[in-house]
Amino acid sequence: MLLAIDVGNTQTVVGIYQDGSLQYRWRVATNKSHTSDELRVKLVPLLASEGLKLDDVRGVALASVVPALTMAWCAAAYRMIGKDALVCSAETAGSLFEADYPNPHEIGADRVADAVAAKALYGAPVIVVDFGTATNMEVVDADGRLSLIHISEPTRQAEISYAVFCLKKKKDTIIT
């Protein structure tokens, strides 16, 4: 089993993948002051609620936009399964990720994951709209390079409508 952890500013989503598909998922509030011990104490009952044990977890993948919790989750993962977590970033994505951005290491893990997954699933070009705490768009051009767009609240609807319009113009695009 793979333990997948997506740490956002507001919520953290924890999932278990088995045989390449998501089998279990939990959503909990993100608390930036949690220690690795508190994270472990929070996780174990979630697994137990589905009859799962830590012994069954073979790896941990972590995407975090909360730096204080990245290290805490890494420490928790190591203490739980004795292995380092694979942390999603522009650096760890390697050749899967190319950004048209001056400092790619500053790009959030959520945006890296969005771009890599969209490109893998749908090919390039592709546009991803992420309705998180903030609304972001990741635009992967035909060459596979990422451009980033942040949408402020007042302009959110107009920008998203335009993105959907552009996608609908492309004949073979699937919108999910």
Protein backbone atom coordinates (compact mmCIF):
# COMPACT_ATOMS: atom_id res chain seq x y z
CA MET A 1 0.00 0.00 0.00
CA LEU A 2 1.07 3.56 -0.69
CA LEU A 3 0.15 6.26 1.79
CA ALA A 4 -0.46 9.51 -0.11
CA ILE A 5 -0.62 12.78 1.83
CA ASP A 6 -1.67 16.13 0.34
CA VAL A 7 -1.11 18.92 2.87
CA GLY A 8 -2.99 22.10 1.94
CA ASN A 9 -3.31 25.35 3.82
CA THR A 10 -6.84 24.51 5.01
CA GLN A 11 -7.18 20.75 4.75
CA THR A 12 -4.98 17.69 4.52
CA VAL A 13 -6.14 14.77 2.42
CA VAL A 14 -4.76 11.33 3.22
CA GLY A 15 -5.27 8.39 0.91
CA ILE A 16 -4.30 4.77 0.53
CA TYR A 17 -3.45 3.40 -2.89
CA GLN A 18 -3.49 -0.31 -3.57
CA ASP A 19 -2.77 -1.88 -6.93
CA GLY A 20 -2.54 1.54 -8.56
CA SER A 21 -5.91 2.89 -7.47
CA LEU A 22 -7.19 4.99 -4.59
CA GLN A 23 -8.96 2.71 -2.12
CA TYR A 24 -9.43 4.93 0.94
CA ARG A 25 -9.45 8.69 1.52
CA TRP A 26 -9.79 10.95 4.55
CA ARG A 27 -9.94 14.74 4.82
CA VAL A 28 -8.76 16.40 8.04
CA ALA A 29 -8.12 20.00 9.08
CA THR A 30 -4.56 21.23 8.59
CA ASN A 31 -3.00 22.40 11.83
CA LYS A 32 0.34 24.09 11.17
CA SER A 33 1.52 23.53 14.74
CA HIS A 34 1.16 19.73 14.75
CA THR A 35 4.28 17.75 15.56
CA SER A 36 5.24 14.47 13.92
CA ASP A 37 3.94 12.63 16.98
CA GLU A 38 0.55 14.35 16.72
CA LEU A 39 0.35 13.51 13.02
CA ARG A 40 1.03 9.82 13.74
CA VAL A 41 -1.61 9.81 16.49
CA LYS A 42 -4.07 11.34 14.03
CA LEU A 43 -3.26 8.90 11.20
CA VAL A 44 -3.29 5.53 12.98
CA PRO A 45 -7.02 5.64 13.93
CA LEU A 46 -7.92 6.62 10.36
CA LEU A 47 -6.20 3.52 9.06
CA ALA A 48 -7.71 1.37 11.82
CA SER A 49 -11.21 2.63 10.93
CA GLU A 50 -10.86 0.70 7.64
CA GLY A 51 -9.12 -2.31 9.15
CA LEU A 52 -5.70 -1.20 7.83
CA LYS A 53 -2.38 -1.43 9.66
CA LEU A 54 0.81 0.58 9.35
CA ASP A 55 2.66 -2.67 8.67
CA ASP A 56 0.85 -2.83 5.33
CA VAL A 57 2.16 0.57 4.19
CA ARG A 58 5.20 0.18 1.92
CA GLY A 59 5.78 3.82 0.97
CA VAL A 60 4.70 7.41 1.54
CA ALA A 61 4.22 10.14 -1.09
CA LEU A 62 3.87 13.67 0.27
CA ALA A 63 2.78 16.90 -1.40
CA SER A 64 2.78 19.83 1.00
CA VAL A 65 2.33 23.57 0.62
CA VAL A 66 2.91 24.07 4.35
CA PRO A 67 6.69 24.02 4.96
CA ALA A 68 6.33 23.59 8.73
CA LEU A 69 4.35 20.39 8.17
CA THR A 70 6.50 18.97 5.39
CA MET A 71 9.27 18.08 7.82
CA ALA A 72 6.78 16.90 10.47
CA TRP A 73 5.08 14.52 8.00
CA CYS A 74 8.48 13.28 6.78
CA ALA A 75 9.52 12.52 10.35
CA ALA A 76 6.17 10.85 11.05
CA ALA A 77 6.48 8.72 7.90
CA TYR A 78 9.95 7.57 8.84
CA ARG A 79 8.88 6.68 12.36
CA MET A 80 5.81 4.83 11.08
CA ILE A 81 7.32 2.72 8.29
CA GLY A 82 11.08 3.18 8.55
CA LYS A 83 11.37 4.77 5.09
CA ASP A 84 11.72 8.32 3.85
CA ALA A 85 8.69 9.88 2.19
CA LEU A 86 8.91 10.86 -1.46
CA VAL A 87 8.26 14.61 -1.32
CA CYS A 88 6.68 16.18 -4.41
CA SER A 89 8.51 19.26 -5.69
CA ALA A 90 9.84 20.74 -8.91
CA GLU A 91 13.19 19.11 -8.10
CA THR A 92 11.87 15.62 -7.39
CA ALA A 93 9.62 15.72 -10.47
CA GLY A 94 12.80 15.87 -12.57
CA SER A 95 12.24 15.50 -16.29
CA LEU A 96 8.45 15.21 -15.79
CA PHE A 97 8.30 18.91 -15.01
CA GLU A 98 9.55 22.00 -16.81
CA ALA A 99 8.39 25.45 -15.72
CA ASP A 100 8.47 28.82 -17.41
CA TYR A 101 9.22 30.39 -14.03
CA PRO A 102 12.34 32.16 -12.70
CA ASN A 103 12.64 30.04 -9.52
CA PRO A 104 10.99 26.64 -10.04
CA HIS A 105 11.90 25.54 -6.49
CA GLU A 106 9.38 28.13 -5.25
CA ILE A 107 6.45 26.47 -7.03
CA GLY A 108 4.09 24.73 -4.61
CA ALA A 109 3.86 20.96 -4.56
CA ASP A 110 0.15 21.17 -5.38
CA ARG A 111 0.89 22.98 -8.62
CA VAL A 112 3.69 20.58 -9.55
CA ALA A 113 1.41 17.60 -8.92
CA ASP A 114 -1.44 19.19 -10.90
CA ALA A 115 0.77 19.87 -13.92
CA VAL A 116 2.54 16.49 -13.96
CA ALA A 117 -0.70 14.54 -13.51
CA ALA A 118 -2.64 16.52 -16.13
CA LYS A 119 0.15 16.15 -18.67
CA ALA A 120 0.40 12.40 -17.97
CA LEU A 121 -3.36 11.85 -18.18
CA TYR A 122 -4.32 14.20 -21.04
CA GLY A 123 -1.10 15.19 -22.78
CA ALA A 124 -0.06 18.73 -23.63
CA PRO A 125 -1.36 21.32 -24.06
CA VAL A 126 -3.63 21.20 -21.04
CA ILE A 127 -5.09 23.64 -18.51
CA VAL A 128 -5.75 22.74 -14.87
CA VAL A 129 -8.04 24.81 -12.65
CA ASP A 130 -7.44 24.13 -8.95
CA PHE A 131 -10.17 25.37 -6.60
CA GLY A 132 -8.20 25.29 -3.35
CA THR A 133 -7.85 27.93 -0.67
CA ALA A 134 -6.86 30.12 -3.63
CA THR A 135 -7.89 29.43 -7.21
CA ASN A 136 -4.94 28.65 -9.45
CA MET A 137 -4.53 27.69 -13.06
CA GLU A 138 -1.67 25.67 -14.42
CA VAL A 139 -1.23 25.98 -18.17
CA VAL A 140 0.98 23.34 -19.77
CA ASP A 141 1.86 24.43 -23.30
CA ALA A 142 2.33 22.18 -26.33
CA ASP A 143 6.02 21.80 -25.47
CA GLY A 144 5.14 20.60 -21.96
CA ARG A 145 6.27 23.78 -20.13
CA LEU A 146 4.22 25.04 -17.21
CA SER A 147 2.99 28.60 -16.84
CA LEU A 148 1.30 29.64 -13.60
CA ILE A 149 -1.74 31.85 -13.11
CA HIS A 150 -3.13 32.92 -9.74
CA ILE A 151 -6.73 34.14 -9.78
CA SER A 152 -7.83 36.64 -7.18
CA GLU A 153 -11.36 36.31 -5.83
CA PRO A 154 -13.00 39.25 -7.69
CA THR A 155 -11.83 38.04 -11.11
CA ARG A 156 -12.23 34.33 -10.42
CA GLN A 157 -15.40 33.71 -12.43
CA ALA A 158 -14.31 35.64 -15.53
CA GLU A 159 -10.91 33.91 -15.71
CA ILE A 160 -12.37 30.46 -15.20
CA SER A 161 -15.09 31.08 -17.78
CA TYR A 162 -12.45 32.13 -20.29
CA ALA A 163 -10.35 29.02 -19.57
CA VAL A 164 -13.37 26.76 -20.05
CA PHE A 165 -14.22 28.60 -23.29
CA CYS A 166 -10.69 27.98 -24.57
CA LEU A 167 -10.87 24.31 -23.65
CA LYS A 168 -14.22 23.85 -25.35
CA LYS A 169 -12.79 25.34 -28.56
CA LYS A 170 -10.27 22.53 -28.68
CA LYS A 171 -12.18 19.67 -30.32
CA ASP A 172 -10.70 16.68 -28.54
CA THR A 173 -10.43 18.07 -25.01
CA ILE A 174 -12.07 16.22 -22.14
CA ILE A 175 -13.22 18.37 -19.22
CA THR A 176 -13.57 16.54 -15.93
